[in-house]
Amino acid sequence: MAIAYKGGNRITGLSTDTRPDVIKLVDGTIFTETDTGKEYIKYYGDWTERNQPDNSAGLSLNYADETNQHFWDFFSGKQLSSRWNTDVTGSGTATMSDSINGGLLLQTSNGTNHTTEINFDGIRQYTPQGSVVIGVFKPDVNYANTNHFSDVGLIAGTSFYAGGQCLLCEVHSGQTYIRFRYANESWADTSVAFHENRTVTKIESTDSNSTISLDGVLQSSATQTGSLPSNKLQPCASIWHGTGSSTAQLHVNYMEAYNT
């Protein structure tokens, strides 16, 4: 079967076919393997597998069930989707950024311990040892003058700052490397040095380990085989400002989560 281009930025083919060059495709293009039912979404120069039934019949029969558990958000348009809850401590905002690739802008004031976070308001539908979360984000802060960290992933609490179990990619101004925050707020360094460039993270939790990938590269040094989460999880993106004269900002361009 040859590659077939459908309407609505959808492409079909076989698992043995070479997926089209992503450079020629718009973000959000979906490639479906008709022999396996697997789907891949193109975003920021790469194909990422989405959770789907394992055969084409299951794709149609189980679609409603999958939709209830599988979400994605490109953070485009004039306002944040109503699926999200915004929590602010101190002073902060969560608004769509009127700029190229601005996405959603989470921002705090320069007050001590001010935070801004989006989450599902305690709706925790993702399995602690059988789920995936993907995020595309970019911190934007004067690190030389600000104590700040940003987190994207899954949490078990009512909010990130309420504490509890989590699976998060964390960029912290006081750390040498980007970190994997897991279980009951433990940390493990990845091999990627701290930076404020746009980053794609993928975190997967199974009954044997929790892993984190950055820009398509598995960070094996941060893989966890113990202290696995045991409570259901909800998506979360957050920014925290500790001290310093500059505000803390986090651009979120994409989030996706599904049960495996």
Protein backbone atom coordinates (compact mmCIF):
# COMPACT_ATOMS: atom_id res chain seq x y z
CA MET A 1 0.00 0.00 0.00
CA ALA A 2 1.36 3.42 -0.97
CA ILE A 3 1.39 6.45 1.27
CA ALA A 4 -1.97 8.23 0.94
CA TYR A 5 -2.60 11.88 1.78
CA LYS A 6 -6.07 12.44 3.24
CA GLY A 7 -7.93 15.61 4.18
CA GLY A 8 -7.36 17.42 7.47
CA ASN A 9 -3.57 16.86 7.54
CA ARG A 10 -3.94 13.08 7.84
CA ILE A 11 -1.73 10.51 6.11
CA THR A 12 -2.13 6.72 5.95
CA GLY A 13 0.28 3.92 5.11
CA LEU A 14 1.70 0.64 6.35
CA SER A 15 4.05 0.12 9.27
CA THR A 16 6.67 -0.91 6.70
CA ASP A 17 6.36 2.39 4.83
CA THR A 18 8.80 5.22 5.49
CA ARG A 19 6.89 8.08 7.07
CA PRO A 20 7.07 11.32 5.04
CA ASP A 21 9.76 13.92 5.65
CA VAL A 22 8.53 16.05 8.55
CA ILE A 23 10.12 19.20 7.11
CA LYS A 24 7.46 19.24 4.40
CA LEU A 25 4.54 18.83 6.81
CA VAL A 26 2.70 21.19 9.15
CA ASP A 27 2.68 20.60 12.90
CA GLY A 28 -0.26 18.41 13.94
CA THR A 29 -0.12 16.16 10.86
CA ILE A 30 -1.16 12.61 11.79
CA PHE A 31 0.18 9.43 10.17
CA THR A 32 -1.88 6.25 10.70
CA GLU A 33 -0.51 2.74 10.11
CA THR A 34 -3.51 0.93 8.67
CA ASP A 35 -2.10 -2.53 9.44
CA THR A 36 -1.37 -1.85 13.13
CA GLY A 37 -3.71 1.03 14.02
CA LYS A 38 -0.81 3.03 15.47
CA GLU A 39 -0.85 6.78 15.01
CA TYR A 40 2.02 9.25 14.94
CA ILE A 41 1.75 13.03 15.28
CA LYS A 42 4.29 15.41 13.77
CA TYR A 43 5.40 18.22 16.04
CA TYR A 44 8.60 20.27 16.23
CA GLY A 45 10.45 18.27 13.59
CA ASP A 46 9.71 14.75 14.81
CA TRP A 47 7.12 11.99 14.73
CA THR A 48 5.75 10.99 18.15
CA GLU A 49 3.65 7.85 18.62
CA ARG A 50 0.16 8.35 20.03
CA ASN A 51 -1.75 5.75 22.02
CA GLN A 52 -4.15 3.79 19.85
CA PRO A 53 -5.73 0.30 19.73
CA ASP A 54 -3.47 -2.41 18.30
CA ASN A 55 -5.53 -3.05 15.17
CA SER A 56 -7.63 -1.14 12.67
CA ALA A 57 -10.91 -2.67 13.89
CA GLY A 58 -10.11 -1.61 17.44
CA LEU A 59 -9.38 1.88 16.13
CA SER A 60 -13.04 2.33 15.23
CA LEU A 61 -14.61 0.25 17.99
CA ASN A 62 -12.67 1.78 20.89
CA TYR A 63 -12.26 5.35 19.68
CA ALA A 64 -14.64 6.86 22.25
CA ASP A 65 -12.87 5.12 25.13
CA GLU A 66 -9.49 6.31 23.88
CA THR A 67 -10.71 9.87 23.52
CA ASN A 68 -11.82 9.98 27.15
CA GLN A 69 -8.28 9.20 28.31
CA HIS A 70 -6.14 10.70 25.55
CA PHE A 71 -5.79 14.45 25.29
CA TRP A 72 -3.54 16.88 23.43
CA ASP A 73 -3.40 20.67 23.36
CA PHE A 74 -1.45 22.88 20.93
CA PHE A 75 -2.16 25.99 23.04
CA SER A 76 -3.28 28.09 20.10
CA GLY A 77 -6.11 30.57 19.67
CA LYS A 78 -7.21 33.50 21.78
CA GLN A 79 -7.75 31.80 25.13
CA LEU A 80 -6.83 28.77 27.18
CA SER A 81 -9.10 25.75 26.79
CA SER A 82 -11.73 25.36 29.52
CA ARG A 83 -10.34 21.89 30.32
CA TRP A 84 -7.56 23.63 32.24
CA ASN A 85 -7.69 25.04 35.76
CA THR A 86 -5.34 27.89 36.66
CA ASP A 87 -3.83 28.11 40.16
CA VAL A 88 -1.96 31.26 41.20
CA THR A 89 -0.11 31.90 44.45
CA GLY A 90 0.81 35.53 44.96
CA SER A 91 0.54 37.26 41.61
CA GLY A 92 0.63 35.67 38.16
CA THR A 93 -1.18 35.02 34.88
CA ALA A 94 -1.78 32.26 32.32
CA THR A 95 -2.51 33.83 28.93
CA MET A 96 -2.05 33.03 25.26
CA SER A 97 1.09 34.73 23.97
CA ASP A 98 0.63 37.02 20.96
CA SER A 99 3.92 36.01 19.35
CA ILE A 100 5.32 33.42 16.94
CA ASN A 101 5.47 30.03 18.70
CA GLY A 102 4.51 31.82 21.90
CA GLY A 103 1.92 29.24 22.96
CA LEU A 104 0.59 29.63 26.47
CA LEU A 105 2.57 32.02 28.66
CA LEU A 106 2.68 31.23 32.39
CA GLN A 107 4.08 34.19 34.30
CA THR A 108 4.62 35.30 37.88
CA SER A 109 5.49 38.66 39.34
CA ASN A 110 8.88 39.09 40.97
CA GLY A 111 7.43 38.42 44.43
CA THR A 112 8.95 35.77 46.70
CA ASN A 113 7.47 32.27 46.22
CA HIS A 114 4.95 33.37 43.62
CA THR A 115 3.62 30.60 41.38
CA THR A 116 1.38 30.09 38.34
CA GLU A 117 0.18 26.64 37.32
CA ILE A 118 -2.31 24.93 35.00
CA ASN A 119 -3.76 21.50 35.81
CA PHE A 120 -6.97 19.47 35.44
CA ASP A 121 -8.34 20.68 38.79
CA GLY A 122 -7.88 17.32 40.50
CA ILE A 123 -9.28 15.19 37.66
CA ARG A 124 -6.69 12.42 37.72
CA GLN A 125 -7.36 9.93 34.92
CA TYR A 126 -3.83 8.76 34.11
CA THR A 127 -2.53 5.47 35.45
CA PRO A 128 0.50 5.80 37.77
CA GLN A 129 2.30 2.80 36.25
CA GLY A 130 0.98 2.84 32.69
CA SER A 131 0.90 6.32 31.15
CA VAL A 132 2.80 8.77 28.97
CA VAL A 133 3.01 12.57 29.01
CA ILE A 134 4.63 14.70 26.30
CA GLY A 135 5.36 18.40 26.56
CA VAL A 136 6.98 21.15 24.50
CA PHE A 137 8.03 24.16 26.56
CA LYS A 138 10.49 27.03 26.85
CA PRO A 139 11.47 28.84 30.04
CA ASP A 140 12.03 32.59 29.58
CA VAL A 141 13.73 34.28 32.50
CA ASN A 142 16.82 36.24 33.47
CA TYR A 143 18.57 33.37 35.24
CA ALA A 144 21.43 35.51 36.43
CA ASN A 145 19.07 37.50 38.65
CA THR A 146 16.26 35.05 39.41
CA ASN A 147 15.81 31.89 41.48
CA HIS A 148 13.21 30.02 39.45
CA PHE A 149 12.05 26.61 38.30
CA SER A 150 9.55 25.35 35.74
CA ASP A 151 7.91 21.91 35.57
CA VAL A 152 5.91 20.05 32.92
CA GLY A 153 4.38 16.57 33.33
CA LEU A 154 1.98 14.71 35.62
CA ILE A 155 1.11 15.17 39.31
CA ALA A 156 -0.98 13.21 41.81
CA GLY A 157 -1.83 16.12 44.12
CA THR A 158 -4.47 18.81 43.74
CA SER A 159 -1.67 21.05 42.48
CA PHE A 160 2.07 20.76 42.01
CA TYR A 161 2.83 22.98 44.98
CA ALA A 162 0.57 20.92 47.23
CA GLY A 163 3.28 18.25 47.03
CA GLY A 164 2.91 14.51 46.52
CA GLN A 165 3.76 12.04 43.79
CA CYS A 166 4.75 13.34 40.38
CA LEU A 167 6.44 12.67 37.04
CA LEU A 168 7.91 15.97 35.85
CA CYS A 169 10.59 17.48 33.65
CA GLU A 170 12.13 20.30 35.67
CA VAL A 171 14.36 23.21 34.65
CA HIS A 172 15.81 24.86 37.77
CA SER A 173 17.98 27.96 37.69
CA GLY A 174 20.09 26.63 40.56
CA GLN A 175 20.94 23.28 38.97
CA THR A 176 23.56 22.21 36.44
CA TYR A 177 21.30 19.83 34.52
CA ILE A 178 17.65 19.50 33.55
CA ARG A 179 16.11 17.16 36.12
CA PHE A 180 13.57 14.34 36.28
CA ARG A 181 11.30 14.90 39.27
CA TYR A 182 9.56 11.69 40.30
CA ALA A 183 7.72 9.80 43.06
CA ASN A 184 7.36 11.85 46.24
CA GLU A 185 9.36 14.84 44.99
CA SER A 186 12.71 13.13 44.44
CA TRP A 187 15.09 14.28 41.70
CA ALA A 188 17.52 12.74 39.21
CA ASP A 189 19.82 14.65 36.86
CA THR A 190 19.61 14.07 33.12
CA SER A 191 22.69 14.46 30.91
CA VAL A 192 21.33 17.68 29.37
CA ALA A 193 22.83 20.87 30.75
CA PHE A 194 20.53 23.54 32.09
CA HIS A 195 19.32 25.91 29.34
CA GLU A 196 16.31 28.02 28.38
CA ASN A 197 15.78 26.75 24.82
CA ARG A 198 12.55 25.13 23.64
CA THR A 199 12.56 21.50 24.79
CA VAL A 200 10.50 18.42 23.93
CA THR A 201 10.09 16.04 26.86
CA LYS A 202 8.47 12.61 27.00
CA ILE A 203 7.92 10.84 30.32
CA GLU A 204 6.69 7.26 30.45
CA SER A 205 5.75 5.24 33.53
CA THR A 206 5.34 1.44 33.53
CA ASP A 207 5.09 -1.18 36.25
CA SER A 208 8.86 -1.63 36.10
CA ASN A 209 10.31 1.87 35.63
CA SER A 210 9.80 5.55 34.91
CA THR A 211 11.79 7.14 32.08
CA ILE A 212 12.33 10.61 30.64
CA SER A 213 13.44 11.60 27.14
CA LEU A 214 14.59 15.06 26.05
CA ASP A 215 14.39 16.07 22.40
CA GLY A 216 13.99 12.43 21.40
CA VAL A 217 16.93 11.08 23.44
CA LEU A 218 16.27 8.70 26.34
CA GLN A 219 18.00 9.97 29.49
CA SER A 220 19.03 6.57 30.84
CA SER A 221 20.95 8.11 33.76
CA ALA A 222 17.64 9.40 35.15
CA THR A 223 15.63 6.16 34.70
CA GLN A 224 13.92 5.07 37.91
CA THR A 225 13.19 1.42 38.77
CA GLY A 226 12.11 2.10 42.35
CA SER A 227 9.91 4.71 44.02
CA LEU A 228 7.32 4.39 41.26
CA PRO A 229 4.11 6.43 41.56
CA SER A 230 1.09 4.61 42.96
CA ASN A 231 -1.63 7.28 42.73
CA LYS A 232 -3.51 8.42 39.64
CA LEU A 233 -2.13 11.49 37.91
CA GLN A 234 -3.24 14.70 36.17
CA PRO A 235 -1.37 16.93 33.66
CA CYS A 236 0.41 19.98 34.97
CA ALA A 237 2.63 22.86 33.83
CA SER A 238 3.95 25.30 36.39
CA ILE A 239 6.34 28.17 37.00
CA TRP A 240 7.76 29.26 40.38
CA HIS A 241 9.59 32.47 41.28
CA GLY A 242 11.69 32.36 44.41
CA THR A 243 13.72 35.53 44.61
CA GLY A 244 15.18 38.07 42.21
CA SER A 245 14.24 41.20 40.34
CA SER A 246 12.98 39.55 37.13
CA THR A 247 9.64 37.84 36.60
CA ALA A 248 9.52 34.10 35.89
CA GLN A 249 7.99 32.99 32.59
CA LEU A 250 7.26 29.67 30.92
CA HIS A 251 5.99 29.17 27.35
CA VAL A 252 4.05 25.91 26.85
CA ASN A 253 3.52 24.98 23.17
CA TYR A 254 2.13 21.47 23.41
CA MET A 255 0.99 18.84 25.92
CA GLU A 256 -0.32 15.33 25.44
CA ALA A 257 -1.09 12.49 27.84
CA TYR A 258 -2.51 8.98 27.48
CA ASN A 259 -2.74 5.64 29.23
CA THR A 260 -0.79 2.77 27.74
